[in-house]
Amino acid sequence: MALRILLADDHSMVRAGLRALLEELPGIEVVGEVADGPEALRLIGELKPDVVFLDISMPGLNGLEVAARVARDHSHTRVIILSMHADDEYVRRALHAGAAGYLLKTSDRSELELAVRAVARGDSWLTPPVSRRVVALALGNPPAETQPLEVLTPRQREVLQLIAEGFSNKQIAQKLSVGVKTVESHRTELMERLDIHGIAGLVRYAIRLGIVRSEM
């Protein structure tokens, strides 16, 4: 039975290239592709793929938030984060979110196949350029200091991303099906917890952590 793969990346050319590479591999079927986080979650629930490739920076809901929700609600689906970033903090955050694999977009076809088959059989895969200390950190005791986004609730992180993407309080309220006052409350709490005052500061913070891209 073929492995069922879903691709989630907001760049159509990346999805097309990844699809072409995957479809060359025996026993693998790409069942769908999406360009944003909310749609990725919807299709994961609908299609129940074996493996989903997630970009970190996606509109609506970033790949790390999607990974965490997949780990919680769709345990059959394994997540591989597909990223341009090889630094330790991105990898640590991906593993903490529940991703089973971390693959660089510069990886070749042979590594892609190894990663897919490893996570599909229940193992993990970290791209070779990632240092061994990341594995030790992920499997050992958590660091003493609180990591940047871990002071926020999942809903606050979602609001932060939408603010950084330029949506108004009213638009965010409509997207999340909550009241405008609730969004305003989340925004106030975000600024207090992060000690950031002003929308511009929140946007810069989101860009620095890779929640959104600077061109968005």
Protein backbone atom coordinates (compact mmCIF):
# COMPACT_ATOMS: atom_id res chain seq x y z
CA MET A 1 0.00 0.00 0.00
CA ALA A 2 1.41 3.38 -1.03
CA LEU A 3 2.50 5.96 1.51
CA ARG A 4 0.14 8.93 1.32
CA ILE A 5 1.87 12.32 1.40
CA LEU A 6 0.50 15.86 1.82
CA LEU A 7 2.58 18.94 0.94
CA ALA A 8 2.09 22.26 2.73
CA ASP A 9 4.19 25.21 1.56
CA ASP A 10 3.13 28.68 0.44
CA HIS A 11 5.50 28.64 -2.54
CA SER A 12 3.97 26.79 -5.48
CA MET A 13 7.35 26.13 -7.10
CA VAL A 14 8.64 24.45 -3.93
CA ARG A 15 5.54 22.24 -3.84
CA ALA A 16 5.91 21.40 -7.53
CA GLY A 17 9.57 20.46 -7.12
CA LEU A 18 8.89 18.37 -4.03
CA ARG A 19 5.95 16.63 -5.70
CA ALA A 20 8.09 15.78 -8.73
CA LEU A 21 10.82 14.26 -6.54
CA LEU A 22 8.38 12.28 -4.40
CA GLU A 23 6.44 10.91 -7.35
CA GLU A 24 9.67 9.39 -8.71
CA LEU A 25 9.90 7.22 -5.59
CA PRO A 26 8.24 3.79 -5.57
CA GLY A 27 5.32 3.25 -3.23
CA ILE A 28 4.63 6.93 -2.60
CA GLU A 29 1.52 8.89 -3.54
CA VAL A 30 1.12 12.67 -3.13
CA VAL A 31 -2.55 13.03 -2.19
CA GLY A 32 -2.72 16.82 -1.96
CA GLU A 33 -0.97 20.13 -1.55
CA VAL A 34 -1.88 23.37 0.21
CA ALA A 35 -0.46 26.87 0.65
CA ASP A 36 -1.51 27.82 4.19
CA GLY A 37 -1.76 26.44 7.71
CA PRO A 38 -5.54 26.34 8.24
CA GLU A 39 -6.07 24.52 4.93
CA ALA A 40 -3.29 22.08 5.83
CA LEU A 41 -5.11 21.18 9.06
CA ARG A 42 -8.40 20.76 7.20
CA LEU A 43 -6.91 18.43 4.59
CA ILE A 44 -4.98 16.42 7.17
CA GLY A 45 -8.27 15.72 8.91
CA GLU A 46 -10.00 14.92 5.62
CA LEU A 47 -7.32 12.93 3.76
CA LYS A 48 -5.50 11.36 6.75
CA PRO A 49 -2.07 11.25 5.04
CA ASP A 50 0.72 9.11 6.46
CA VAL A 51 3.25 11.95 6.22
CA VAL A 52 2.86 15.71 5.81
CA PHE A 53 5.63 18.08 4.80
CA LEU A 54 5.21 21.47 6.50
CA ASP A 55 7.01 24.71 5.77
CA ILE A 56 7.59 26.78 8.93
CA SER A 57 6.44 30.16 7.57
CA MET A 58 2.94 29.74 6.15
CA PRO A 59 0.02 32.20 6.14
CA GLY A 60 -2.77 31.87 8.69
CA LEU A 61 -1.03 29.32 10.91
CA ASN A 62 2.69 28.57 10.80
CA GLY A 63 4.09 25.07 10.37
CA LEU A 64 5.13 24.67 14.00
CA GLU A 65 1.60 25.39 15.23
CA VAL A 66 0.19 22.99 12.64
CA ALA A 67 2.69 20.32 13.75
CA ALA A 68 1.62 20.68 17.37
CA ARG A 69 -2.06 20.29 16.48
CA VAL A 70 -1.34 17.28 14.25
CA ALA A 71 0.58 15.60 17.09
CA ARG A 72 -2.39 16.24 19.39
CA ASP A 73 -5.32 15.44 17.09
CA HIS A 74 -4.01 13.28 14.22
CA SER A 75 -1.51 10.85 15.69
CA HIS A 76 -1.59 8.67 12.55
CA THR A 77 0.00 11.46 10.52
CA ARG A 78 3.73 12.05 10.90
CA VAL A 79 5.19 15.52 10.31
CA ILE A 80 8.37 16.50 8.52
CA ILE A 81 9.28 20.17 8.81
CA LEU A 82 10.74 21.46 5.54
CA SER A 83 12.89 24.54 6.13
CA MET A 84 15.69 26.77 4.89
CA HIS A 85 17.02 27.09 8.45
CA ALA A 86 19.62 24.71 9.88
CA ASP A 87 20.19 26.53 13.18
CA ASP A 88 19.55 24.73 16.43
CA GLU A 89 16.67 26.86 17.70
CA TYR A 90 14.45 26.18 14.67
CA VAL A 91 15.12 22.44 14.96
CA ARG A 92 14.51 22.45 18.72
CA ARG A 93 11.20 24.23 18.26
CA ALA A 94 10.14 21.76 15.54
CA LEU A 95 10.89 18.75 17.72
CA HIS A 96 9.18 20.34 20.71
CA ALA A 97 6.08 20.89 18.54
CA GLY A 98 5.95 17.16 17.79
CA ALA A 99 7.59 16.93 14.36
CA ALA A 100 9.10 13.55 13.54
CA GLY A 101 11.55 14.93 10.99
CA TYR A 102 13.40 18.07 9.99
CA LEU A 103 14.61 18.39 6.40
CA LEU A 104 16.34 21.27 4.65
CA LYS A 105 14.94 22.52 1.36
CA THR A 106 18.43 22.06 -0.09
CA SER A 107 18.35 18.30 0.59
CA ASP A 108 18.76 15.94 -2.34
CA ARG A 109 16.44 13.19 -3.59
CA SER A 110 18.19 10.39 -1.70
CA GLU A 111 17.85 12.18 1.65
CA LEU A 112 14.23 12.97 0.89
CA GLU A 113 13.48 9.28 0.44
CA LEU A 114 15.36 8.30 3.59
CA ALA A 115 13.44 10.91 5.61
CA VAL A 116 10.02 9.86 4.31
CA ARG A 117 10.55 6.18 4.89
CA ALA A 118 12.09 6.74 8.33
CA VAL A 119 9.23 8.80 9.73
CA ALA A 120 6.61 6.58 8.06
CA ARG A 121 7.89 3.53 9.97
CA GLY A 122 7.86 5.45 13.25
CA ASP A 123 11.45 6.65 13.43
CA SER A 124 12.74 10.21 13.44
CA TRP A 125 14.87 11.98 10.86
CA LEU A 126 17.11 15.02 11.31
CA THR A 127 18.97 16.39 8.33
CA PRO A 128 22.75 15.71 8.65
CA PRO A 129 23.82 19.39 8.89
CA VAL A 130 21.93 19.62 12.17
CA SER A 131 24.35 19.30 15.08
CA ARG A 132 24.26 16.35 17.50
CA ARG A 133 23.66 18.65 20.44
CA VAL A 134 20.15 19.36 19.11
CA VAL A 135 19.29 15.69 19.47
CA ALA A 136 20.73 15.63 22.98
CA LEU A 137 18.72 18.71 23.90
CA ALA A 138 15.50 17.32 22.43
CA LEU A 139 15.80 13.93 24.11
CA GLY A 140 17.22 15.11 27.41
CA ASN A 141 16.02 17.54 30.03
CA PRO A 142 14.40 20.76 28.79
CA PRO A 143 16.47 23.92 29.13
CA ALA A 144 16.05 25.88 32.33
CA GLU A 145 15.15 29.12 30.62
CA THR A 146 11.75 29.63 29.04
CA GLN A 147 11.92 29.76 25.25
CA PRO A 148 10.48 32.84 23.51
CA LEU A 149 7.15 31.52 22.26
CA GLU A 150 6.54 29.17 25.17
CA VAL A 151 5.34 32.03 27.37
CA LEU A 152 2.33 32.34 25.04
CA THR A 153 -0.77 30.17 24.72
CA PRO A 154 -1.54 28.55 21.34
CA ARG A 155 -4.32 31.09 20.74
CA GLN A 156 -1.99 33.99 21.57
CA ARG A 157 0.58 32.64 19.10
CA GLU A 158 -2.16 32.40 16.48
CA VAL A 159 -3.22 36.01 17.14
CA LEU A 160 0.42 37.12 17.00
CA GLN A 161 0.85 35.56 13.57
CA LEU A 162 -2.31 37.18 12.21
CA ILE A 163 -1.29 40.57 13.60
CA ALA A 164 2.11 40.18 11.93
CA GLU A 165 0.38 39.30 8.65
CA GLY A 166 -1.38 42.67 8.76
CA PHE A 167 -4.93 41.69 9.73
CA SER A 168 -7.04 44.13 11.74
CA ASN A 169 -8.68 43.18 15.05
CA LYS A 170 -12.01 42.82 13.26
CA GLN A 171 -10.53 40.56 10.56
CA ILE A 172 -8.78 38.41 13.17
CA ALA A 173 -12.03 38.11 15.13
CA GLN A 174 -13.81 36.90 11.97
CA LYS A 175 -11.06 34.38 11.15
CA LEU A 176 -11.04 32.94 14.66
CA SER A 177 -14.81 33.21 15.24
CA VAL A 178 -14.39 35.26 18.40
CA GLY A 179 -15.37 38.79 19.46
CA VAL A 180 -13.28 41.85 18.69
CA LYS A 181 -12.86 42.50 22.42
CA THR A 182 -11.40 39.01 22.82
CA VAL A 183 -8.81 39.78 20.14
CA GLU A 184 -8.02 43.10 21.81
CA SER A 185 -7.52 41.26 25.09
CA HIS A 186 -5.16 38.76 23.45
CA ARG A 187 -3.18 41.60 21.88
CA THR A 188 -2.83 43.34 25.24
CA GLU A 189 -1.68 40.13 26.91
CA LEU A 190 0.81 39.51 24.08
CA MET A 191 2.43 42.89 24.64
CA GLU A 192 2.54 42.40 28.40
CA ARG A 193 4.02 38.89 28.27
CA LEU A 194 6.59 39.78 25.62
CA ASP A 195 7.27 43.28 26.99
CA ILE A 196 6.68 44.67 23.52
CA HIS A 197 4.71 47.87 23.09
CA GLY A 198 3.18 48.51 19.67
CA ILE A 199 2.15 46.54 16.60
CA ALA A 200 5.44 47.25 14.80
CA GLY A 201 7.32 45.60 17.65
CA LEU A 202 5.11 42.52 17.51
CA VAL A 203 5.66 42.28 13.74
CA ARG A 204 9.45 42.50 14.13
CA TYR A 205 9.31 39.84 16.86
CA ALA A 206 7.28 37.47 14.66
CA ILE A 207 9.68 37.95 11.76
CA ARG A 208 12.73 37.35 13.97
CA LEU A 209 11.32 34.02 15.19
CA GLY A 210 10.36 32.91 11.67
CA ILE A 211 6.60 32.97 12.30
CA VAL A 212 6.17 35.13 9.21
CA ARG A 213 8.55 36.19 6.47
CA SER A 214 9.82 39.73 6.18
CA GLU A 215 8.27 40.14 2.72
CA MET A 216 4.73 39.42 4.03
